[in-house]
């Protein structure tokens, strides 16, 4: 029983180490102007482009972009 418990402890420790290694934060390149800065994208997939409903959805996405840009968020 003690051997099984020791083996399980070793396996759990190995899994924890591998999980921690996979969570490493990537840094941007030194010359990258957006290094450390998040850029968001608003995606809209309409079923059409001529119906008034989808035109209003597109206008809402443009308005959201303008509002976020005014708040200092890069979109």
N, C-alpha and C. Protein backbone atom coordinates (compact mmCIF):
# COMPACT_ATOMS: atom_id res chain seq x y z
N UNK A 1 0.82 -1.19 0.00
CA UNK A 1 0.00 0.00 0.00
C UNK A 1 0.86 1.25 0.00
N UNK A 2 1.97 1.19 0.72
CA UNK A 2 2.85 2.35 0.80
C UNK A 2 3.49 2.64 -0.55
N UNK A 3 3.81 1.57 -1.32
CA UNK A 3 4.40 1.75 -2.64
C UNK A 3 3.42 2.41 -3.60
N UNK A 4 2.16 2.03 -3.51
CA UNK A 4 1.13 2.60 -4.38
C UNK A 4 0.95 4.08 -4.06
N UNK A 5 0.92 4.43 -2.81
CA UNK A 5 0.77 5.81 -2.39
C UNK A 5 1.96 6.65 -2.84
N UNK A 6 3.16 6.11 -2.72
CA UNK A 6 4.35 6.82 -3.17
C UNK A 6 4.32 7.02 -4.68
N UNK A 7 3.93 5.99 -5.42
CA UNK A 7 3.85 6.09 -6.88
C UNK A 7 2.81 7.14 -7.30
N UNK A 8 1.68 7.16 -6.62
CA UNK A 8 0.64 8.14 -6.94
C UNK A 8 1.12 9.55 -6.64
N UNK A 9 1.86 9.72 -5.57
CA UNK A 9 2.38 11.03 -5.21
C UNK A 9 3.36 11.52 -6.27
N UNK A 10 4.21 10.63 -6.77
CA UNK A 10 5.18 10.99 -7.80
C UNK A 10 4.46 11.38 -9.09
N UNK A 11 3.44 10.61 -9.46
CA UNK A 11 2.68 10.91 -10.67
C UNK A 11 1.97 12.26 -10.54
N UNK A 12 1.35 12.52 -9.41
CA UNK A 12 0.67 13.79 -9.20
C UNK A 12 1.64 14.97 -9.22
N UNK A 13 2.82 14.79 -8.64
CA UNK A 13 3.83 15.85 -8.67
C UNK A 13 4.28 16.12 -10.10
N UNK A 14 4.46 15.07 -10.90
CA UNK A 14 4.87 15.23 -12.29
C UNK A 14 3.79 15.97 -13.08
N UNK A 15 2.54 15.63 -12.86
CA UNK A 15 1.43 16.30 -13.55
C UNK A 15 1.39 17.78 -13.17
N UNK A 16 1.58 18.08 -11.89
CA UNK A 16 1.57 19.47 -11.44
C UNK A 16 2.71 20.26 -12.07
N UNK A 17 3.88 19.66 -12.17
CA UNK A 17 5.03 20.35 -12.78
C UNK A 17 4.78 20.60 -14.26
N UNK A 18 4.25 19.60 -14.97
CA UNK A 18 3.97 19.79 -16.39
C UNK A 18 2.87 20.83 -16.62
N UNK A 19 1.88 20.85 -15.76
CA UNK A 19 0.80 21.84 -15.89
C UNK A 19 1.34 23.25 -15.65
N UNK A 20 2.21 23.40 -14.68
CA UNK A 20 2.78 24.72 -14.39
C UNK A 20 3.69 25.17 -15.54
N UNK A 21 4.40 24.25 -16.16
CA UNK A 21 5.28 24.60 -17.27
C UNK A 21 4.47 25.04 -18.48
N UNK A 22 3.28 24.51 -18.66
CA UNK A 22 2.43 24.87 -19.79
C UNK A 22 1.76 26.21 -19.63
N UNK A 23 1.80 26.79 -18.45
CA UNK A 23 1.14 28.06 -18.18
C UNK A 23 2.08 29.25 -18.30
N UNK A 24 3.24 29.06 -18.87
CA UNK A 24 4.21 30.14 -18.99
C UNK A 24 3.66 31.23 -19.92
N UNK A 25 3.77 32.48 -19.49
CA UNK A 25 3.28 33.60 -20.27
C UNK A 25 4.28 33.93 -21.37
N UNK A 26 3.78 34.07 -22.60
CA UNK A 26 4.64 34.43 -23.71
C UNK A 26 4.75 35.94 -23.77
N UNK A 27 5.95 36.41 -24.03
CA UNK A 27 6.18 37.84 -24.17
C UNK A 27 6.33 38.17 -25.63
N UNK A 28 5.91 39.38 -26.01
CA UNK A 28 6.02 39.81 -27.39
C UNK A 28 7.46 40.12 -27.75
N UNK A 29 7.70 40.28 -29.03
CA UNK A 29 9.04 40.61 -29.50
C UNK A 29 9.42 42.01 -29.05
N UNK A 30 10.71 42.27 -28.97
CA UNK A 30 11.18 43.57 -28.47
C UNK A 30 10.72 44.72 -29.36
N UNK A 31 10.66 44.51 -30.66
CA UNK A 31 10.26 45.58 -31.58
C UNK A 31 8.77 45.65 -31.83
N UNK A 32 8.01 44.78 -31.23
CA UNK A 32 6.57 44.73 -31.45
C UNK A 32 5.90 45.90 -30.75
N UNK A 33 5.21 46.80 -31.49
CA UNK A 33 4.57 47.96 -30.84
C UNK A 33 3.40 47.56 -29.95
N UNK A 34 2.77 46.40 -30.19
CA UNK A 34 1.64 45.96 -29.38
C UNK A 34 2.06 44.99 -28.29
N UNK A 35 3.35 44.93 -28.01
CA UNK A 35 3.86 44.03 -26.98
C UNK A 35 3.22 44.37 -25.64
N UNK A 36 2.55 43.39 -25.03
CA UNK A 36 1.92 43.62 -23.74
C UNK A 36 0.58 44.31 -23.84
N UNK A 37 0.11 44.62 -25.02
CA UNK A 37 -1.13 45.34 -25.22
C UNK A 37 -2.14 44.42 -25.90
N UNK A 38 -3.33 44.30 -25.36
CA UNK A 38 -4.35 43.43 -25.97
C UNK A 38 -5.08 44.18 -27.07
N UNK A 39 -5.34 43.49 -28.16
CA UNK A 39 -6.15 44.01 -29.25
C UNK A 39 -7.35 43.11 -29.40
N UNK A 40 -8.53 43.69 -29.43
CA UNK A 40 -9.76 42.93 -29.53
C UNK A 40 -10.32 43.03 -30.94
N UNK A 41 -11.10 42.02 -31.32
CA UNK A 41 -11.77 42.01 -32.61
C UNK A 41 -13.23 41.67 -32.38
N UNK A 42 -14.10 42.47 -32.97
CA UNK A 42 -15.53 42.22 -32.88
C UNK A 42 -15.93 41.50 -34.16
N UNK A 43 -16.41 40.28 -34.02
CA UNK A 43 -16.79 39.48 -35.19
C UNK A 43 -18.30 39.36 -35.27
N UNK A 44 -18.84 39.62 -36.44
CA UNK A 44 -20.27 39.48 -36.70
C UNK A 44 -20.40 38.64 -37.96
N UNK A 45 -21.17 37.57 -37.86
CA UNK A 45 -21.39 36.70 -39.02
C UNK A 45 -22.88 36.76 -39.37
N UNK A 46 -23.25 37.64 -40.30
CA UNK A 46 -24.66 37.77 -40.65
C UNK A 46 -25.11 36.72 -41.65
N UNK A 47 -26.41 36.50 -41.70
CA UNK A 47 -26.97 35.59 -42.71
C UNK A 47 -27.21 36.32 -44.02
N UNK A 48 -27.11 37.62 -43.99
CA UNK A 48 -27.30 38.42 -45.19
C UNK A 48 -26.79 39.82 -44.95
N UNK A 49 -26.74 40.63 -46.00
CA UNK A 49 -26.24 42.00 -45.85
C UNK A 49 -27.25 43.04 -46.30
N UNK A 50 -28.37 42.61 -46.85
CA UNK A 50 -29.33 43.57 -47.38
C UNK A 50 -30.51 43.82 -46.45
N UNK A 51 -30.83 42.90 -45.58
CA UNK A 51 -31.98 43.06 -44.68
C UNK A 51 -31.65 44.09 -43.60
N UNK A 52 -32.64 44.86 -43.22
CA UNK A 52 -32.45 45.95 -42.26
C UNK A 52 -31.95 45.45 -40.90
N UNK A 53 -32.38 44.24 -40.52
CA UNK A 53 -31.94 43.68 -39.25
C UNK A 53 -30.42 43.51 -39.22
N UNK A 54 -29.85 42.93 -40.28
CA UNK A 54 -28.41 42.69 -40.32
C UNK A 54 -27.64 43.98 -40.49
N UNK A 55 -28.25 44.97 -41.15
CA UNK A 55 -27.61 46.29 -41.25
C UNK A 55 -27.53 46.93 -39.86
N UNK A 56 -28.56 46.74 -39.03
CA UNK A 56 -28.53 47.30 -37.68
C UNK A 56 -27.51 46.57 -36.81
N UNK A 57 -27.33 45.28 -37.02
CA UNK A 57 -26.31 44.52 -36.28
C UNK A 57 -24.92 45.04 -36.64
N UNK A 58 -24.69 45.29 -37.93
CA UNK A 58 -23.40 45.83 -38.38
C UNK A 58 -23.16 47.22 -37.78
N UNK A 59 -24.19 48.04 -37.77
CA UNK A 59 -24.06 49.39 -37.19
C UNK A 59 -23.75 49.30 -35.70
N UNK A 60 -24.33 48.33 -35.01
CA UNK A 60 -24.05 48.15 -33.58
C UNK A 60 -22.61 47.74 -33.34
N UNK A 61 -22.06 46.90 -34.21
CA UNK A 61 -20.66 46.49 -34.08
C UNK A 61 -19.72 47.68 -34.30
N UNK A 62 -20.04 48.51 -35.28
CA UNK A 62 -19.23 49.71 -35.54
C UNK A 62 -19.31 50.66 -34.34
N UNK A 63 -20.50 50.81 -33.77
CA UNK A 63 -20.67 51.69 -32.60
C UNK A 63 -19.89 51.15 -31.40
N UNK A 64 -19.90 49.83 -31.21
CA UNK A 64 -19.15 49.23 -30.12
C UNK A 64 -17.66 49.47 -30.30
N UNK A 65 -17.18 49.38 -31.54
CA UNK A 65 -15.77 49.65 -31.82
C UNK A 65 -15.42 51.09 -31.44
N UNK A 66 -16.25 52.02 -31.83
CA UNK A 66 -15.99 53.43 -31.54
C UNK A 66 -16.01 53.70 -30.04
N UNK A 67 -16.97 53.09 -29.32
CA UNK A 67 -17.06 53.29 -27.87
C UNK A 67 -15.84 52.70 -27.16
N UNK A 68 -15.41 51.52 -27.58
CA UNK A 68 -14.24 50.90 -26.95
C UNK A 68 -12.98 51.68 -27.26
N UNK A 69 -12.87 52.18 -28.49
CA UNK A 69 -11.70 52.97 -28.85
C UNK A 69 -11.65 54.26 -28.05
N UNK A 70 -12.81 54.87 -27.80
CA UNK A 70 -12.87 56.08 -26.99
C UNK A 70 -12.49 55.81 -25.54
N UNK A 71 -12.71 54.57 -25.09
CA UNK A 71 -12.35 54.19 -23.72
C UNK A 71 -10.89 53.77 -23.62
N UNK A 72 -10.18 53.79 -24.76
CA UNK A 72 -8.76 53.44 -24.74
C UNK A 72 -8.46 51.98 -24.99
N UNK A 73 -9.45 51.24 -25.45
CA UNK A 73 -9.25 49.81 -25.73
C UNK A 73 -9.03 49.65 -27.22
N UNK A 74 -7.95 48.98 -27.61
CA UNK A 74 -7.60 48.82 -29.02
C UNK A 74 -8.48 47.75 -29.66
N UNK A 75 -9.28 48.15 -30.66
CA UNK A 75 -10.18 47.24 -31.36
C UNK A 75 -9.83 47.26 -32.83
